[in-house]
Amino acid sequence: MSIRETATEAYREALPVVVLSAAGGLFSGVVLGEMEAELAAVPGLLLLVPALLATRGNVYGSLGARLASALHQGLIEPRLDLDDDRTRAAVAAAMANGILISCFAGVVGFALLSVLAREHASLVTLLGIALIAGAVSGLLLTVAVVVVVFLGYRRGLNPDTLAGPVVTTTGDVIGVATLLAAARIVLALGGG
């Protein structure tokens, strides 16, 4: 295959996903703009936004890369039933890492705001929001990554090309939406 053919194929596979990524990023911005009341009610919540969004991409991007590599090497089959031990282990590790890093972000965010003598919500509030958002977004992102990587592979697309942009965009959209929902849940339970 020539360089030109390789480049054409890469653009053919990646361009639609990148366009959807841009649209998803704009949607995430709209959702973030709707969080004014929650940001005012939970001092320090804004600090969690970049931390939680970055970790979504890192953790679930690694899951996508791990699954893609295993597919390329023939170590797993692209089945959505998660019947393979390697697939289940990769999914479990991603979920555990996603939840743990979310809790870590909540605790470190609280500590940082305390040290800097900045206004902040209680540790229970920030940790509760981070935990709920981390768990729910992790579950949704895991489903998205597995479906996109496996279905893309079965349709002859390179899962490495799909996983990065899909995880980034889906992580932003789901991350902001679950952070908003988690903040509303914690506020409804009396946090703040």
N, C-alpha and C. Protein backbone atom coordinates (compact mmCIF):
# COMPACT_ATOMS: atom_id res chain seq x y z
N MET A 1 0.85 -1.17 0.00
CA MET A 1 0.00 0.00 0.00
C MET A 1 0.90 1.24 0.00
N SER A 2 0.59 2.19 -0.86
CA SER A 2 1.40 3.41 -0.96
C SER A 2 1.10 4.36 0.19
N ILE A 3 1.96 5.36 0.33
CA ILE A 3 1.75 6.38 1.37
C ILE A 3 0.45 7.11 1.13
N ARG A 4 0.17 7.40 -0.13
CA ARG A 4 -1.06 8.12 -0.45
C ARG A 4 -2.30 7.29 -0.10
N GLU A 5 -2.26 6.00 -0.41
CA GLU A 5 -3.39 5.13 -0.08
C GLU A 5 -3.58 5.00 1.43
N THR A 6 -2.45 4.90 2.14
CA THR A 6 -2.51 4.81 3.60
C THR A 6 -3.09 6.08 4.19
N ALA A 7 -2.64 7.23 3.70
CA ALA A 7 -3.15 8.52 4.20
C ALA A 7 -4.63 8.67 3.88
N THR A 8 -5.03 8.29 2.68
CA THR A 8 -6.45 8.38 2.28
C THR A 8 -7.31 7.50 3.18
N GLU A 9 -6.85 6.30 3.44
CA GLU A 9 -7.60 5.39 4.31
C GLU A 9 -7.71 5.94 5.72
N ALA A 10 -6.62 6.49 6.22
CA ALA A 10 -6.63 7.06 7.58
C ALA A 10 -7.61 8.21 7.67
N TYR A 11 -7.62 9.10 6.67
CA TYR A 11 -8.57 10.21 6.68
C TYR A 11 -10.00 9.73 6.53
N ARG A 12 -10.20 8.74 5.69
CA ARG A 12 -11.55 8.20 5.49
C ARG A 12 -12.11 7.65 6.80
N GLU A 13 -11.27 6.97 7.57
CA GLU A 13 -11.72 6.40 8.84
C GLU A 13 -11.84 7.45 9.93
N ALA A 14 -10.91 8.39 9.96
CA ALA A 14 -10.82 9.32 11.09
C ALA A 14 -11.68 10.57 10.94
N LEU A 15 -11.84 11.08 9.74
CA LEU A 15 -12.51 12.37 9.56
C LEU A 15 -13.93 12.41 10.13
N PRO A 16 -14.79 11.41 9.85
CA PRO A 16 -16.13 11.47 10.44
C PRO A 16 -16.11 11.47 11.97
N VAL A 17 -15.20 10.70 12.54
CA VAL A 17 -15.10 10.62 14.00
C VAL A 17 -14.61 11.95 14.57
N VAL A 18 -13.66 12.58 13.89
CA VAL A 18 -13.14 13.86 14.37
C VAL A 18 -14.21 14.96 14.28
N VAL A 19 -15.01 14.93 13.22
CA VAL A 19 -16.11 15.91 13.08
C VAL A 19 -17.13 15.70 14.21
N LEU A 20 -17.45 14.44 14.50
CA LEU A 20 -18.36 14.16 15.62
C LEU A 20 -17.73 14.59 16.95
N SER A 21 -16.42 14.46 17.06
CA SER A 21 -15.73 14.89 18.27
C SER A 21 -15.88 16.40 18.49
N ALA A 22 -15.75 17.16 17.43
CA ALA A 22 -15.92 18.62 17.54
C ALA A 22 -17.33 18.97 17.98
N ALA A 23 -18.31 18.29 17.38
CA ALA A 23 -19.71 18.54 17.75
C ALA A 23 -19.95 18.15 19.21
N GLY A 24 -19.38 17.03 19.63
CA GLY A 24 -19.53 16.60 21.02
C GLY A 24 -18.89 17.57 21.99
N GLY A 25 -17.74 18.12 21.61
CA GLY A 25 -17.07 19.11 22.46
C GLY A 25 -17.93 20.35 22.64
N LEU A 26 -18.57 20.78 21.57
CA LEU A 26 -19.46 21.94 21.67
C LEU A 26 -20.66 21.64 22.57
N PHE A 27 -21.20 20.44 22.44
CA PHE A 27 -22.31 20.04 23.29
C PHE A 27 -21.90 20.03 24.76
N SER A 28 -20.69 19.53 25.03
CA SER A 28 -20.18 19.52 26.41
C SER A 28 -20.08 20.93 26.96
N GLY A 29 -19.67 21.87 26.12
CA GLY A 29 -19.59 23.27 26.54
C GLY A 29 -20.95 23.83 26.89
N VAL A 30 -21.96 23.44 26.13
CA VAL A 30 -23.33 23.89 26.42
C VAL A 30 -23.79 23.34 27.77
N VAL A 31 -23.52 22.05 28.01
CA VAL A 31 -23.91 21.44 29.29
C VAL A 31 -23.16 22.12 30.44
N LEU A 32 -21.87 22.38 30.26
CA LEU A 32 -21.09 23.06 31.29
C LEU A 32 -21.67 24.45 31.57
N GLY A 33 -22.10 25.13 30.52
CA GLY A 33 -22.72 26.44 30.69
C GLY A 33 -24.01 26.39 31.49
N GLU A 34 -24.68 25.23 31.47
CA GLU A 34 -25.92 25.05 32.22
C GLU A 34 -25.68 24.73 33.70
N MET A 35 -24.42 24.63 34.10
CA MET A 35 -24.08 24.26 35.47
C MET A 35 -23.88 25.46 36.39
N GLU A 36 -24.31 26.64 35.97
CA GLU A 36 -24.07 27.84 36.77
C GLU A 36 -24.59 27.70 38.20
N ALA A 37 -25.79 27.21 38.36
CA ALA A 37 -26.38 27.09 39.70
C ALA A 37 -25.58 26.11 40.57
N GLU A 38 -25.20 24.98 39.97
CA GLU A 38 -24.44 23.98 40.71
C GLU A 38 -23.05 24.48 41.06
N LEU A 39 -22.42 25.19 40.13
CA LEU A 39 -21.09 25.75 40.40
C LEU A 39 -21.14 26.77 41.53
N ALA A 40 -22.23 27.53 41.59
CA ALA A 40 -22.39 28.51 42.68
C ALA A 40 -22.72 27.81 44.01
N ALA A 41 -23.51 26.75 43.95
CA ALA A 41 -23.94 26.05 45.17
C ALA A 41 -22.85 25.16 45.76
N VAL A 42 -21.90 24.72 44.92
CA VAL A 42 -20.84 23.81 45.39
C VAL A 42 -19.50 24.46 45.09
N PRO A 43 -19.02 25.32 45.99
CA PRO A 43 -17.71 25.93 45.77
C PRO A 43 -16.63 24.86 45.63
N GLY A 44 -15.83 24.99 44.62
CA GLY A 44 -14.79 24.01 44.36
C GLY A 44 -15.16 23.00 43.28
N LEU A 45 -16.42 22.99 42.88
CA LEU A 45 -16.86 22.04 41.85
C LEU A 45 -16.14 22.27 40.53
N LEU A 46 -15.89 23.52 40.20
CA LEU A 46 -15.20 23.82 38.95
C LEU A 46 -13.80 23.20 38.90
N LEU A 47 -13.17 23.08 40.05
CA LEU A 47 -11.85 22.46 40.12
C LEU A 47 -11.90 20.99 39.68
N LEU A 48 -13.02 20.32 39.93
CA LEU A 48 -13.15 18.91 39.56
C LEU A 48 -13.35 18.69 38.07
N VAL A 49 -13.89 19.68 37.37
CA VAL A 49 -14.23 19.50 35.95
C VAL A 49 -13.03 19.05 35.12
N PRO A 50 -11.93 19.80 35.06
CA PRO A 50 -10.82 19.34 34.21
C PRO A 50 -10.19 18.04 34.71
N ALA A 51 -10.13 17.87 36.03
CA ALA A 51 -9.52 16.64 36.57
C ALA A 51 -10.33 15.42 36.16
N LEU A 52 -11.64 15.48 36.32
CA LEU A 52 -12.47 14.33 35.99
C LEU A 52 -12.54 14.09 34.48
N LEU A 53 -12.57 15.15 33.69
CA LEU A 53 -12.61 14.95 32.24
C LEU A 53 -11.30 14.37 31.72
N ALA A 54 -10.19 14.85 32.23
CA ALA A 54 -8.89 14.33 31.78
C ALA A 54 -8.74 12.86 32.14
N THR A 55 -9.18 12.49 33.32
CA THR A 55 -9.03 11.09 33.72
C THR A 55 -9.96 10.18 32.92
N ARG A 56 -11.10 10.68 32.48
CA ARG A 56 -11.99 9.85 31.63
C ARG A 56 -11.22 9.46 30.36
N GLY A 57 -10.60 10.43 29.73
CA GLY A 57 -9.87 10.15 28.50
C GLY A 57 -8.68 9.23 28.73
N ASN A 58 -7.96 9.45 29.83
CA ASN A 58 -6.78 8.63 30.10
C ASN A 58 -7.15 7.19 30.42
N VAL A 59 -8.07 6.99 31.32
CA VAL A 59 -8.43 5.63 31.75
C VAL A 59 -9.12 4.86 30.63
N TYR A 60 -10.11 5.46 30.01
CA TYR A 60 -10.89 4.72 29.02
C TYR A 60 -10.23 4.73 27.64
N GLY A 61 -9.33 5.68 27.42
CA GLY A 61 -8.49 5.62 26.22
C GLY A 61 -7.54 4.43 26.30
N SER A 62 -7.02 4.18 27.50
CA SER A 62 -6.17 3.00 27.71
C SER A 62 -6.96 1.72 27.50
N LEU A 63 -8.20 1.70 27.94
CA LEU A 63 -9.05 0.53 27.72
C LEU A 63 -9.22 0.29 26.22
N GLY A 64 -9.52 1.35 25.48
CA GLY A 64 -9.68 1.22 24.03
C GLY A 64 -8.41 0.72 23.37
N ALA A 65 -7.26 1.24 23.78
CA ALA A 65 -5.98 0.81 23.21
C ALA A 65 -5.68 -0.64 23.56
N ARG A 66 -5.98 -1.01 24.80
CA ARG A 66 -5.74 -2.40 25.23
C ARG A 66 -6.60 -3.37 24.43
N LEU A 67 -7.87 -3.03 24.26
CA LEU A 67 -8.76 -3.90 23.48
C LEU A 67 -8.34 -3.96 22.02
N ALA A 68 -7.97 -2.81 21.45
CA ALA A 68 -7.54 -2.78 20.05
C ALA A 68 -6.30 -3.64 19.85
N SER A 69 -5.33 -3.53 20.74
CA SER A 69 -4.11 -4.33 20.63
C SER A 69 -4.42 -5.82 20.73
N ALA A 70 -5.29 -6.18 21.67
CA ALA A 70 -5.65 -7.59 21.83
C ALA A 70 -6.38 -8.12 20.59
N LEU A 71 -7.22 -7.28 19.98
CA LEU A 71 -7.90 -7.69 18.74
C LEU A 71 -6.89 -7.89 17.61
N HIS A 72 -5.97 -6.94 17.45
CA HIS A 72 -4.95 -7.05 16.40
C HIS A 72 -4.09 -8.29 16.57
N GLN A 73 -3.81 -8.65 17.81
CA GLN A 73 -2.95 -9.80 18.09
C GLN A 73 -3.72 -11.12 18.10
N GLY A 74 -5.04 -11.04 17.97
CA GLY A 74 -5.85 -12.26 17.99
C GLY A 74 -6.04 -12.86 19.37
N LEU A 75 -5.80 -12.06 20.41
CA LEU A 75 -5.93 -12.56 21.78
C LEU A 75 -7.38 -12.59 22.26
N ILE A 76 -8.22 -11.74 21.68
CA ILE A 76 -9.64 -11.71 22.02
C ILE A 76 -10.46 -11.67 20.75
N GLU A 77 -11.70 -12.05 20.88
CA GLU A 77 -12.66 -11.98 19.77
C GLU A 77 -13.55 -10.77 20.00
N PRO A 78 -13.98 -10.12 18.92
CA PRO A 78 -14.82 -8.91 19.07
C PRO A 78 -16.27 -9.26 19.38
N ARG A 79 -16.50 -9.82 20.57
CA ARG A 79 -17.85 -10.19 21.00
C ARG A 79 -18.30 -9.24 22.10
N LEU A 80 -19.53 -8.80 22.00
CA LEU A 80 -20.06 -7.84 22.98
C LEU A 80 -20.55 -8.52 24.26
N ASP A 81 -20.48 -9.84 24.34
CA ASP A 81 -20.98 -10.52 25.53
C ASP A 81 -19.96 -10.55 26.67
N LEU A 82 -18.77 -10.04 26.44
CA LEU A 82 -17.70 -9.99 27.44
C LEU A 82 -17.43 -11.36 28.05
N ASP A 83 -17.48 -12.39 27.19
CA ASP A 83 -17.29 -13.77 27.63
C ASP A 83 -15.82 -14.11 27.83
N ASP A 84 -14.93 -13.27 27.34
CA ASP A 84 -13.50 -13.54 27.41
C ASP A 84 -12.92 -12.99 28.71
N ASP A 85 -12.06 -13.79 29.37
CA ASP A 85 -11.45 -13.35 30.63
C ASP A 85 -10.60 -12.10 30.46
N ARG A 86 -9.87 -12.00 29.34
CA ARG A 86 -9.01 -10.82 29.12
C ARG A 86 -9.86 -9.56 28.96
N THR A 87 -10.95 -9.68 28.25
CA THR A 87 -11.83 -8.52 28.06
C THR A 87 -12.44 -8.10 29.39
N ARG A 88 -12.93 -9.07 30.15
CA ARG A 88 -13.53 -8.76 31.46
C ARG A 88 -12.50 -8.12 32.39
N ALA A 89 -11.27 -8.64 32.36
CA ALA A 89 -10.23 -8.08 33.22
C ALA A 89 -9.90 -6.64 32.82
N ALA A 90 -9.83 -6.38 31.52
CA ALA A 90 -9.54 -5.01 31.05
C ALA A 90 -10.66 -4.06 31.45
N VAL A 91 -11.90 -4.51 31.31
CA VAL A 91 -13.06 -3.69 31.68
C VAL A 91 -13.07 -3.44 33.19
N ALA A 92 -12.85 -4.48 33.98
CA ALA A 92 -12.84 -4.32 35.44
C ALA A 92 -11.73 -3.38 35.89
N ALA A 93 -10.55 -3.50 35.29
CA ALA A 93 -9.44 -2.62 35.65
C ALA A 93 -9.76 -1.17 35.31
N ALA A 94 -10.35 -0.94 34.14
CA ALA A 94 -10.70 0.42 33.75
C ALA A 94 -11.74 1.01 34.69
N MET A 95 -12.76 0.23 35.02
CA MET A 95 -13.80 0.72 35.93
C MET A 95 -13.20 1.04 37.31
N ALA A 96 -12.39 0.13 37.83
CA ALA A 96 -11.78 0.37 39.15
C ALA A 96 -10.88 1.60 39.12
N ASN A 97 -10.05 1.71 38.08
CA ASN A 97 -9.16 2.88 37.97
C ASN A 97 -9.97 4.16 37.84
N GLY A 98 -11.03 4.14 37.05
CA GLY A 98 -11.86 5.33 36.86
C GLY A 98 -12.49 5.81 38.16
N ILE A 99 -13.01 4.87 38.94
CA ILE A 99 -13.65 5.24 40.20
C ILE A 99 -12.60 5.70 41.22
N LEU A 100 -11.49 4.98 41.31
CA LEU A 100 -10.45 5.37 42.27
C LEU A 100 -9.87 6.74 41.96
N ILE A 101 -9.60 7.01 40.69
CA ILE A 101 -9.00 8.31 40.34
C ILE A 101 -10.01 9.44 40.54
N SER A 102 -11.30 9.14 40.37
CA SER A 102 -12.33 10.16 40.63
C SER A 102 -12.35 10.51 42.11
N CYS A 103 -12.30 9.49 42.96
CA CYS A 103 -12.27 9.75 44.41
C CYS A 103 -10.99 10.49 44.80
N PHE A 104 -9.88 10.10 44.21
CA PHE A 104 -8.62 10.78 44.45
C PHE A 104 -8.73 12.27 44.08
N ALA A 105 -9.36 12.56 42.93
CA ALA A 105 -9.53 13.95 42.49
C ALA A 105 -10.38 14.72 43.49
N GLY A 106 -11.43 14.10 44.01
CA GLY A 106 -12.27 14.77 45.00
C GLY A 106 -11.52 15.10 46.27
N VAL A 107 -10.73 14.15 46.77
CA VAL A 107 -9.97 14.35 48.01
C VAL A 107 -8.86 15.37 47.81
N VAL A 108 -8.10 15.22 46.73
CA VAL A 108 -6.99 16.14 46.48
C VAL A 108 -7.53 17.54 46.17
N GLY A 109 -8.63 17.63 45.46
CA GLY A 109 -9.25 18.94 45.19
C GLY A 109 -9.64 19.63 46.48
N PHE A 110 -10.26 18.88 47.39
CA PHE A 110 -10.63 19.43 48.70
C PHE A 110 -9.39 19.89 49.46
N ALA A 111 -8.36 19.05 49.50
CA ALA A 111 -7.13 19.39 50.22
C ALA A 111 -6.45 20.62 49.62
N LEU A 112 -6.40 20.69 48.31
CA LEU A 112 -5.77 21.82 47.64
C LEU A 112 -6.51 23.13 47.94
N LEU A 113 -7.83 23.09 47.86
CA LEU A 113 -8.62 24.28 48.16
C LEU A 113 -8.45 24.68 49.63
N SER A 114 -8.35 23.70 50.52
CA SER A 114 -8.14 23.99 51.95
C SER A 114 -6.79 24.65 52.18
N VAL A 115 -5.74 24.10 51.59
CA VAL A 115 -4.39 24.64 51.75
C VAL A 115 -4.31 26.06 51.20
N LEU A 116 -4.99 26.30 50.09
CA LEU A 116 -4.97 27.63 49.47
C LEU A 116 -5.97 28.59 50.12
N ALA A 117 -6.66 28.11 51.14
CA ALA A 117 -7.65 28.91 51.86
C ALA A 117 -8.72 29.47 50.92
N ARG A 118 -9.11 28.65 49.96
CA ARG A 118 -10.17 29.03 49.02
C ARG A 118 -11.50 28.47 49.51
N GLU A 119 -12.56 29.15 49.18
CA GLU A 119 -13.88 28.65 49.55
C GLU A 119 -14.11 27.30 48.89
N HIS A 120 -14.67 26.37 49.66
CA HIS A 120 -14.92 25.04 49.10
C HIS A 120 -16.05 24.36 49.85
N ALA A 121 -16.65 23.40 49.18
CA ALA A 121 -17.68 22.59 49.80
C ALA A 121 -17.01 21.57 50.72
N SER A 122 -17.80 20.84 51.45
CA SER A 122 -17.25 19.83 52.36
C SER A 122 -16.60 18.69 51.58
N LEU A 123 -15.74 17.96 52.26
CA LEU A 123 -15.10 16.80 51.65
C LEU A 123 -16.14 15.77 51.22
N VAL A 124 -17.15 15.56 52.03
CA VAL A 124 -18.20 14.60 51.70
C VAL A 124 -18.92 15.01 50.43
N THR A 125 -19.18 16.30 50.26
CA THR A 125 -19.87 16.78 49.07
C THR A 125 -19.00 16.60 47.83
N LEU A 126 -17.77 17.06 47.88
CA LEU A 126 -16.89 16.93 46.70
C LEU A 126 -16.60 15.47 46.38
N LEU A 127 -16.38 14.67 47.40
CA LEU A 127 -16.10 13.25 47.20
C LEU A 127 -17.34 12.53 46.67
N GLY A 128 -18.50 12.87 47.20
CA GLY A 128 -19.75 12.26 46.72
C GLY A 128 -19.99 12.56 45.25
N ILE A 129 -19.80 13.81 44.86
CA ILE A 129 -19.98 14.19 43.46
C ILE A 129 -18.98 13.45 42.58
N ALA A 130 -17.72 13.43 43.00
CA ALA A 130 -16.69 12.75 42.21
C ALA A 130 -16.98 11.25 42.10
N LEU A 131 -17.40 10.63 43.18
CA LEU A 131 -17.68 9.20 43.18
C LEU A 131 -18.86 8.85 42.27
N ILE A 132 -19.94 9.58 42.40
CA ILE A 132 -21.12 9.31 41.56
C ILE A 132 -20.79 9.55 40.09
N ALA A 133 -20.18 10.69 39.81
CA ALA A 133 -19.83 11.00 38.41
C ALA A 133 -18.84 9.98 37.86
N GLY A 134 -17.86 9.58 38.67
CA GLY A 134 -16.86 8.61 38.23
C GLY A 134 -17.47 7.25 37.93
N ALA A 135 -18.35 6.78 38.80
CA ALA A 135 -18.95 5.46 38.62
C ALA A 135 -19.90 5.43 37.41
N VAL A 136 -20.77 6.43 37.33
CA VAL A 136 -21.75 6.43 36.24
C VAL A 136 -21.07 6.68 34.89
N SER A 137 -20.17 7.66 34.85
CA SER A 137 -19.48 7.92 33.58
C SER A 137 -18.61 6.74 33.19
N GLY A 138 -18.00 6.08 34.17
CA GLY A 138 -17.18 4.90 33.88
C GLY A 138 -17.98 3.78 33.26
N LEU A 139 -19.15 3.53 33.79
CA LEU A 139 -20.01 2.49 33.24
C LEU A 139 -20.42 2.83 31.81
N LEU A 140 -20.85 4.05 31.60
CA LEU A 140 -21.28 4.47 30.26
C LEU A 140 -20.12 4.48 29.27
N LEU A 141 -18.96 4.94 29.69
CA LEU A 141 -17.80 4.97 28.80
C LEU A 141 -17.30 3.57 28.48
N THR A 142 -17.35 2.68 29.45
CA THR A 142 -16.94 1.30 29.19
C THR A 142 -17.81 0.70 28.09
N VAL A 143 -19.10 0.88 28.20
CA VAL A 143 -20.01 0.36 27.18
C VAL A 143 -19.68 0.99 25.82
N ALA A 144 -19.50 2.30 25.80
CA ALA A 144 -19.20 2.99 24.54
C ALA A 144 -17.91 2.49 23.91
N VAL A 145 -16.86 2.36 24.72
CA VAL A 145 -15.56 1.93 24.19
C VAL A 145 -15.65 0.51 23.64
N VAL A 146 -16.23 -0.40 24.40
CA VAL A 146 -16.31 -1.79 23.96
C VAL A 146 -17.12 -1.89 22.67
N VAL A 147 -18.25 -1.22 22.63
CA VAL A 147 -19.10 -1.28 21.43
C VAL A 147 -18.37 -0.70 20.22
N VAL A 148 -17.79 0.48 20.36
CA VAL A 148 -17.12 1.12 19.23
C VAL A 148 -15.92 0.31 18.74
N VAL A 149 -15.09 -0.15 19.67
CA VAL A 149 -13.89 -0.90 19.28
C VAL A 149 -14.28 -2.23 18.62
N PHE A 150 -15.19 -2.96 19.23
CA PHE A 150 -15.55 -4.27 18.68
C PHE A 150 -16.34 -4.16 17.38
N LEU A 151 -17.33 -3.29 17.34
CA LEU A 151 -18.11 -3.15 16.10
C LEU A 151 -17.26 -2.57 14.98
N GLY A 152 -16.42 -1.58 15.31
CA GLY A 152 -15.53 -1.03 14.29
C GLY A 152 -14.61 -2.09 13.73
N TYR A 153 -14.05 -2.91 14.59
CA TYR A 153 -13.14 -3.98 14.16
C TYR A 153 -13.89 -4.98 13.27
N ARG A 154 -15.10 -5.35 13.68
CA ARG A 154 -15.88 -6.31 12.89
C ARG A 154 -16.27 -5.74 11.53
N ARG A 155 -16.34 -4.44 11.41
CA ARG A 155 -16.68 -3.81 10.13
C ARG A 155 -15.44 -3.47 9.30
N GLY A 156 -14.29 -3.91 9.77
CA GLY A 156 -13.06 -3.72 9.01
C GLY A 156 -12.36 -2.40 9.26
N LEU A 157 -12.79 -1.65 10.28
CA LEU A 157 -12.14 -0.39 10.61
C LEU A 157 -11.06 -0.63 11.65
N ASN A 158 -10.07 0.25 11.66
CA ASN A 158 -8.98 0.13 12.62
C ASN A 158 -9.46 0.68 13.97
N PRO A 159 -9.55 -0.15 14.99
CA PRO A 159 -10.04 0.32 16.28
C PRO A 159 -9.13 1.37 16.92
N ASP A 160 -7.83 1.36 16.54
CA ASP A 160 -6.92 2.38 17.06
C ASP A 160 -7.32 3.77 16.56
N THR A 161 -7.82 3.84 15.34
CA THR A 161 -8.25 5.11 14.76
C THR A 161 -9.53 5.60 15.41
N LEU A 162 -10.39 4.67 15.79
CA LEU A 162 -11.69 5.04 16.36
C LEU A 162 -11.61 5.36 17.85
N ALA A 163 -10.83 4.58 18.58
CA ALA A 163 -10.88 4.65 20.05
C ALA A 163 -10.54 6.03 20.60
N GLY A 164 -9.46 6.65 20.15
CA GLY A 164 -9.04 7.94 20.70
C GLY A 164 -10.09 9.03 20.60
N PRO A 165 -10.53 9.35 19.38
CA PRO A 165 -11.53 10.42 19.25
C PRO A 165 -12.87 10.08 19.91
N VAL A 166 -13.27 8.83 19.84
CA VAL A 166 -14.55 8.45 20.45
C VAL A 166 -14.47 8.58 21.96
N VAL A 167 -13.39 8.09 22.55
CA VAL A 167 -13.24 8.18 24.00
C VAL A 167 -13.16 9.63 24.45
N THR A 168 -12.41 10.44 23.73
CA THR A 168 -12.26 11.84 24.10
C THR A 168 -13.61 12.55 24.07
N THR A 169 -14.32 12.41 22.98
CA THR A 169 -15.61 13.10 22.85
C THR A 169 -16.65 12.54 23.79
N THR A 170 -16.78 11.22 23.79
CA THR A 170 -17.77 10.60 24.67
C THR A 170 -17.43 10.89 26.12
N GLY A 171 -16.13 10.87 26.45
CA GLY A 171 -15.72 11.18 27.81
C GLY A 171 -16.08 12.59 28.22
N ASP A 172 -15.91 13.55 27.31
CA ASP A 172 -16.29 14.93 27.62
C ASP A 172 -17.80 15.07 27.80
N VAL A 173 -18.55 14.53 26.86
CA VAL A 173 -20.02 14.66 26.92
C VAL A 173 -20.56 13.95 28.16
N ILE A 174 -20.19 12.70 28.32
CA ILE A 174 -20.68 11.92 29.45
C ILE A 174 -20.11 12.48 30.76
N GLY A 175 -18.84 12.87 30.75
CA GLY A 175 -18.22 13.40 31.96
C GLY A 175 -18.91 14.64 32.49
N VAL A 176 -19.18 15.59 31.61
CA VAL A 176 -19.84 16.83 32.05
C VAL A 176 -21.29 16.54 32.47
N ALA A 177 -21.98 15.71 31.69
CA ALA A 177 -23.38 15.39 32.02
C ALA A 177 -23.49 14.66 33.35
N THR A 178 -22.60 13.69 33.60
CA THR A 178 -22.67 12.96 34.87
C THR A 178 -22.20 13.82 36.04
N LEU A 179 -21.29 14.74 35.79
CA LEU A 179 -20.88 15.66 36.85
C LEU A 179 -22.05 16.56 37.24
N LEU A 180 -22.78 17.04 36.26
CA LEU A 180 -23.97 17.85 36.52
C LEU A 180 -25.01 17.04 37.30
N ALA A 181 -25.28 15.83 36.83
CA ALA A 181 -26.26 14.98 37.50
C ALA A 181 -25.82 14.66 38.93
N ALA A 182 -24.54 14.34 39.10
CA ALA A 182 -24.02 14.00 40.43
C ALA A 182 -24.13 15.19 41.37
N ALA A 183 -23.82 16.39 40.87
CA ALA A 183 -23.94 17.59 41.71
C ALA A 183 -25.39 17.81 42.13
N ARG A 184 -26.30 17.60 41.21
CA ARG A 184 -27.74 17.77 41.54
C ARG A 184 -28.19 16.73 42.57
N ILE A 185 -27.69 15.49 42.42
CA ILE A 185 -28.06 14.43 43.38
C ILE A 185 -27.53 14.78 44.76
N VAL A 186 -26.26 15.13 44.85
CA VAL A 186 -25.66 15.45 46.15
C VAL A 186 -26.32 16.67 46.77
N LEU A 187 -26.63 17.69 45.96
CA LEU A 187 -27.33 18.86 46.49
C LEU A 187 -28.72 18.51 46.99
N ALA A 188 -29.40 17.62 46.26
CA ALA A 188 -30.74 17.20 46.68
C ALA A 188 -30.70 16.42 47.99
N LEU A 189 -29.58 15.74 48.23
CA LEU A 189 -29.42 14.98 49.47
C LEU A 189 -28.94 15.84 50.63
N GLY A 190 -28.76 17.14 50.36
CA GLY A 190 -28.39 18.07 51.43
C GLY A 190 -26.93 18.45 51.46
N GLY A 191 -26.15 18.07 50.44
CA GLY A 191 -24.73 18.46 50.39
C GLY A 191 -24.59 19.89 49.96
N GLY A 192 -23.40 20.44 50.11
CA GLY A 192 -23.18 21.79 49.64
C GLY A 192 -22.25 22.56 50.49
